[in-house]
């Protein structure tokens, strides 16, 4: 909820929010990748807040059913990423933008 308060507080037409939340479990293989995880419900609350802002938003993550549904209508920018030690294959990082 703290992130949602920060977004609301600093929102303006001149603001660019870059969000890099913990990726949903459905998009990654490592269940313990983050010290602080986000539930699907928290991802839903985040997109609800982001859809209300006056500013611009860029949000990074991996594609999965949840993210595709939540950010439907946003622009999708894809980039291949190098293999990480905890991931056995290369991935495609996604940057969703509302501008």
N, C-alpha and C. Protein backbone atom coordinates (compact mmCIF):
# COMPACT_ATOMS: atom_id res chain seq x y z
N UNK A 1 0.81 -1.21 0.00
CA UNK A 1 0.00 0.00 0.00
C UNK A 1 0.85 1.27 0.00
N UNK A 2 2.09 1.19 0.53
CA UNK A 2 2.94 2.37 0.55
C UNK A 2 3.22 2.87 -0.86
N UNK A 3 3.48 1.96 -1.79
CA UNK A 3 3.75 2.36 -3.18
C UNK A 3 2.54 3.06 -3.77
N UNK A 4 1.35 2.57 -3.46
CA UNK A 4 0.13 3.18 -3.99
C UNK A 4 -0.02 4.61 -3.47
N UNK A 5 0.36 4.83 -2.21
CA UNK A 5 0.29 6.18 -1.63
C UNK A 5 1.30 7.11 -2.29
N UNK A 6 2.50 6.60 -2.56
CA UNK A 6 3.53 7.41 -3.21
C UNK A 6 3.08 7.80 -4.62
N UNK A 7 2.51 6.84 -5.35
CA UNK A 7 2.03 7.12 -6.71
C UNK A 7 0.96 8.21 -6.67
N UNK A 8 0.03 8.07 -5.75
CA UNK A 8 -1.05 9.07 -5.64
C UNK A 8 -0.49 10.44 -5.27
N UNK A 9 0.46 10.46 -4.34
CA UNK A 9 1.00 11.73 -3.85
C UNK A 9 1.78 12.48 -4.93
N UNK A 10 2.56 11.78 -5.73
CA UNK A 10 3.44 12.44 -6.69
C UNK A 10 2.89 12.49 -8.11
N UNK A 11 1.68 12.05 -8.31
CA UNK A 11 1.10 12.05 -9.65
C UNK A 11 0.87 13.46 -10.16
N UNK A 12 1.27 13.69 -11.39
CA UNK A 12 0.98 14.94 -12.11
C UNK A 12 1.16 14.64 -13.59
N UNK A 13 0.74 15.55 -14.43
CA UNK A 13 0.91 15.34 -15.87
C UNK A 13 2.38 15.37 -16.27
N UNK A 14 3.25 15.85 -15.38
CA UNK A 14 4.69 15.91 -15.66
C UNK A 14 5.47 14.75 -15.05
N UNK A 15 4.79 13.80 -14.44
CA UNK A 15 5.44 12.70 -13.74
C UNK A 15 5.60 11.49 -14.65
N UNK A 16 6.77 10.85 -14.56
CA UNK A 16 6.99 9.55 -15.17
C UNK A 16 7.26 8.57 -14.05
N UNK A 17 6.40 7.57 -13.93
CA UNK A 17 6.59 6.52 -12.94
C UNK A 17 7.24 5.33 -13.62
N UNK A 18 8.38 4.88 -13.09
CA UNK A 18 8.96 3.61 -13.55
C UNK A 18 8.71 2.61 -12.43
N UNK A 19 7.99 1.55 -12.75
CA UNK A 19 7.65 0.53 -11.75
C UNK A 19 8.32 -0.78 -12.11
N UNK A 20 8.96 -1.39 -11.15
CA UNK A 20 9.60 -2.69 -11.32
C UNK A 20 9.19 -3.57 -10.14
N UNK A 21 7.90 -3.92 -10.09
CA UNK A 21 7.41 -4.71 -8.94
C UNK A 21 7.91 -6.15 -9.02
N UNK A 22 7.85 -6.88 -7.92
CA UNK A 22 8.15 -8.31 -7.98
C UNK A 22 7.27 -8.96 -9.05
N UNK A 23 7.88 -9.76 -9.89
CA UNK A 23 7.14 -10.36 -10.99
C UNK A 23 6.18 -11.42 -10.45
N UNK A 24 4.99 -11.53 -11.05
CA UNK A 24 4.03 -12.54 -10.59
C UNK A 24 4.61 -13.95 -10.67
N UNK A 25 4.18 -14.80 -9.77
CA UNK A 25 4.67 -16.18 -9.73
C UNK A 25 4.47 -16.89 -11.06
N UNK A 26 3.39 -16.58 -11.76
CA UNK A 26 3.10 -17.25 -13.02
C UNK A 26 4.04 -16.89 -14.15
N UNK A 27 4.92 -15.91 -13.93
CA UNK A 27 5.82 -15.47 -15.00
C UNK A 27 7.27 -15.90 -14.78
N UNK A 28 7.54 -16.57 -13.69
CA UNK A 28 8.94 -16.92 -13.38
C UNK A 28 9.04 -18.29 -12.75
N UNK A 29 10.22 -18.86 -12.79
CA UNK A 29 10.43 -20.19 -12.27
C UNK A 29 10.85 -20.22 -10.81
N UNK A 30 11.44 -19.14 -10.33
CA UNK A 30 11.98 -19.11 -8.98
C UNK A 30 10.94 -18.55 -8.02
N UNK A 31 10.41 -19.41 -7.16
CA UNK A 31 9.35 -18.99 -6.25
C UNK A 31 9.86 -18.10 -5.12
N UNK A 32 11.16 -18.09 -4.88
CA UNK A 32 11.72 -17.31 -3.77
C UNK A 32 12.70 -16.25 -4.27
N UNK A 33 12.37 -15.59 -5.35
CA UNK A 33 13.30 -14.64 -5.96
C UNK A 33 13.36 -13.30 -5.22
N UNK A 34 12.35 -12.98 -4.46
CA UNK A 34 12.27 -11.66 -3.82
C UNK A 34 12.10 -11.80 -2.32
N UNK A 35 12.69 -10.86 -1.59
CA UNK A 35 12.48 -10.83 -0.15
C UNK A 35 11.03 -10.44 0.14
N UNK A 36 10.49 -9.52 -0.65
CA UNK A 36 9.11 -9.08 -0.49
C UNK A 36 8.35 -9.42 -1.77
N UNK A 37 7.40 -10.29 -1.68
CA UNK A 37 6.60 -10.73 -2.83
C UNK A 37 5.34 -9.88 -2.95
N UNK A 38 4.68 -9.99 -4.10
CA UNK A 38 3.38 -9.37 -4.31
C UNK A 38 2.40 -10.45 -4.73
N UNK A 39 1.24 -10.43 -4.14
CA UNK A 39 0.19 -11.37 -4.54
C UNK A 39 -0.46 -10.88 -5.83
N UNK A 40 -1.22 -11.74 -6.47
CA UNK A 40 -1.96 -11.32 -7.67
C UNK A 40 -2.90 -10.16 -7.32
N UNK A 41 -3.50 -10.21 -6.15
CA UNK A 41 -4.41 -9.14 -5.73
C UNK A 41 -3.67 -7.81 -5.59
N UNK A 42 -2.44 -7.85 -5.11
CA UNK A 42 -1.65 -6.62 -5.00
C UNK A 42 -1.27 -6.08 -6.38
N UNK A 43 -1.02 -6.99 -7.33
CA UNK A 43 -0.76 -6.55 -8.71
C UNK A 43 -2.00 -5.88 -9.29
N UNK A 44 -3.17 -6.40 -8.96
CA UNK A 44 -4.42 -5.81 -9.43
C UNK A 44 -4.59 -4.41 -8.84
N UNK A 45 -4.31 -4.25 -7.55
CA UNK A 45 -4.41 -2.92 -6.91
C UNK A 45 -3.43 -1.94 -7.55
N UNK A 46 -2.24 -2.42 -7.88
CA UNK A 46 -1.25 -1.55 -8.51
C UNK A 46 -1.74 -1.05 -9.86
N UNK A 47 -2.23 -1.95 -10.71
CA UNK A 47 -2.68 -1.51 -12.04
C UNK A 47 -3.90 -0.61 -11.93
N UNK A 48 -4.75 -0.84 -10.95
CA UNK A 48 -5.90 0.05 -10.76
C UNK A 48 -5.43 1.46 -10.45
N UNK A 49 -4.42 1.59 -9.62
CA UNK A 49 -3.87 2.92 -9.30
C UNK A 49 -3.18 3.51 -10.53
N UNK A 50 -2.39 2.71 -11.23
CA UNK A 50 -1.66 3.21 -12.40
C UNK A 50 -2.60 3.65 -13.51
N UNK A 51 -3.74 3.00 -13.63
CA UNK A 51 -4.71 3.39 -14.66
C UNK A 51 -5.41 4.71 -14.32
N UNK A 52 -5.24 5.21 -13.11
CA UNK A 52 -5.86 6.46 -12.69
C UNK A 52 -4.92 7.66 -12.77
N UNK A 53 -3.63 7.44 -13.00
CA UNK A 53 -2.68 8.54 -12.93
C UNK A 53 -2.78 9.47 -14.14
N UNK A 54 -2.38 10.71 -13.91
CA UNK A 54 -2.30 11.69 -14.99
C UNK A 54 -0.96 11.60 -15.71
N UNK A 55 0.04 11.06 -15.01
CA UNK A 55 1.38 10.98 -15.56
C UNK A 55 1.58 9.77 -16.46
N UNK A 56 2.82 9.60 -16.86
CA UNK A 56 3.20 8.47 -17.69
C UNK A 56 3.72 7.35 -16.81
N UNK A 57 3.53 6.11 -17.31
CA UNK A 57 3.96 4.94 -16.55
C UNK A 57 4.72 3.99 -17.46
N UNK A 58 5.83 3.48 -16.96
CA UNK A 58 6.57 2.39 -17.59
C UNK A 58 6.73 1.32 -16.52
N UNK A 59 6.36 0.10 -16.85
CA UNK A 59 6.39 -1.00 -15.87
C UNK A 59 7.06 -2.20 -16.51
N UNK A 60 8.04 -2.79 -15.81
CA UNK A 60 8.77 -3.93 -16.37
C UNK A 60 8.30 -5.23 -15.75
N UNK A 61 8.46 -6.30 -16.53
CA UNK A 61 8.08 -7.63 -16.06
C UNK A 61 8.23 -8.66 -17.16
N UNK A 62 7.74 -9.85 -16.89
CA UNK A 62 7.68 -10.91 -17.88
C UNK A 62 6.23 -11.15 -18.24
N UNK A 63 6.00 -11.56 -19.46
CA UNK A 63 4.63 -11.87 -19.89
C UNK A 63 4.11 -13.09 -19.17
N UNK A 64 2.87 -13.02 -18.80
CA UNK A 64 2.11 -14.14 -18.27
C UNK A 64 0.64 -13.76 -18.42
N UNK A 65 -0.25 -14.70 -18.21
CA UNK A 65 -1.68 -14.42 -18.38
C UNK A 65 -2.14 -13.23 -17.54
N UNK A 66 -1.69 -13.18 -16.28
CA UNK A 66 -2.10 -12.09 -15.39
C UNK A 66 -1.67 -10.73 -15.94
N UNK A 67 -0.40 -10.61 -16.30
CA UNK A 67 0.12 -9.32 -16.77
C UNK A 67 -0.52 -8.94 -18.10
N UNK A 68 -0.70 -9.91 -18.99
CA UNK A 68 -1.35 -9.60 -20.27
C UNK A 68 -2.77 -9.08 -20.06
N UNK A 69 -3.47 -9.63 -19.09
CA UNK A 69 -4.83 -9.18 -18.80
C UNK A 69 -4.83 -7.80 -18.13
N UNK A 70 -3.95 -7.62 -17.14
CA UNK A 70 -3.94 -6.36 -16.40
C UNK A 70 -3.52 -5.17 -17.26
N UNK A 71 -2.58 -5.39 -18.16
CA UNK A 71 -2.02 -4.29 -18.95
C UNK A 71 -2.50 -4.32 -20.40
N UNK A 72 -3.66 -4.93 -20.61
CA UNK A 72 -4.28 -4.94 -21.93
C UNK A 72 -4.54 -3.49 -22.35
N UNK A 73 -4.19 -3.15 -23.56
CA UNK A 73 -4.37 -1.78 -24.03
C UNK A 73 -3.13 -0.91 -23.85
N UNK A 74 -2.17 -1.36 -23.05
CA UNK A 74 -0.92 -0.63 -22.89
C UNK A 74 0.01 -1.02 -24.04
N UNK A 75 0.98 -0.18 -24.35
CA UNK A 75 1.98 -0.53 -25.35
C UNK A 75 2.95 -1.54 -24.75
N UNK A 76 3.39 -2.48 -25.59
CA UNK A 76 4.30 -3.54 -25.15
C UNK A 76 5.61 -3.41 -25.91
N UNK A 77 6.70 -3.31 -25.16
CA UNK A 77 8.05 -3.23 -25.73
C UNK A 77 8.81 -4.45 -25.21
N UNK A 78 9.35 -5.26 -26.10
CA UNK A 78 10.02 -6.50 -25.70
C UNK A 78 11.52 -6.40 -25.97
N UNK A 79 12.31 -7.00 -25.06
CA UNK A 79 13.77 -7.05 -25.22
C UNK A 79 14.27 -8.38 -24.69
N UNK A 80 15.07 -9.06 -25.48
CA UNK A 80 15.69 -10.31 -25.02
C UNK A 80 16.69 -9.97 -23.93
N UNK A 81 16.73 -10.79 -22.90
CA UNK A 81 17.66 -10.57 -21.79
C UNK A 81 18.64 -11.72 -21.72
N UNK A 82 19.79 -11.44 -21.16
CA UNK A 82 20.81 -12.47 -20.97
C UNK A 82 20.35 -13.45 -19.91
N UNK A 83 20.86 -14.64 -20.01
CA UNK A 83 20.51 -15.69 -19.07
C UNK A 83 21.02 -15.34 -17.67
N UNK A 84 20.16 -15.46 -16.69
CA UNK A 84 20.54 -15.27 -15.29
C UNK A 84 20.93 -16.62 -14.71
N UNK A 85 21.68 -16.62 -13.65
CA UNK A 85 22.11 -17.87 -13.04
C UNK A 85 20.95 -18.73 -12.58
N UNK A 86 19.88 -18.09 -12.11
CA UNK A 86 18.75 -18.85 -11.57
C UNK A 86 17.76 -19.28 -12.65
N UNK A 87 17.98 -18.85 -13.89
CA UNK A 87 17.06 -19.18 -14.98
C UNK A 87 17.82 -19.97 -16.03
N UNK A 88 17.24 -21.07 -16.47
CA UNK A 88 17.94 -21.97 -17.38
C UNK A 88 17.92 -21.51 -18.84
N UNK A 89 17.04 -20.61 -19.21
CA UNK A 89 16.98 -20.16 -20.59
C UNK A 89 16.86 -18.64 -20.65
N UNK A 90 17.20 -18.10 -21.82
CA UNK A 90 17.05 -16.66 -22.01
C UNK A 90 15.58 -16.28 -21.89
N UNK A 91 15.34 -15.06 -21.48
CA UNK A 91 13.97 -14.58 -21.29
C UNK A 91 13.75 -13.34 -22.13
N UNK A 92 12.51 -12.97 -22.27
CA UNK A 92 12.16 -11.72 -22.93
C UNK A 92 11.54 -10.81 -21.88
N UNK A 93 12.22 -9.74 -21.61
CA UNK A 93 11.74 -8.74 -20.64
C UNK A 93 10.74 -7.83 -21.37
N UNK A 94 9.67 -7.49 -20.68
CA UNK A 94 8.64 -6.64 -21.26
C UNK A 94 8.60 -5.31 -20.51
N UNK A 95 8.45 -4.24 -21.26
CA UNK A 95 8.20 -2.93 -20.68
C UNK A 95 6.83 -2.50 -21.20
N UNK A 96 5.87 -2.40 -20.29
CA UNK A 96 4.53 -1.91 -20.63
C UNK A 96 4.53 -0.40 -20.40
N UNK A 97 3.97 0.35 -21.33
CA UNK A 97 3.87 1.80 -21.15
C UNK A 97 2.45 2.27 -21.46
N UNK A 98 2.06 3.33 -20.78
CA UNK A 98 0.73 3.90 -21.03
C UNK A 98 0.81 5.13 -21.93
N UNK A 99 1.92 5.31 -22.59
CA UNK A 99 2.11 6.48 -23.46
C UNK A 99 2.69 6.07 -24.79
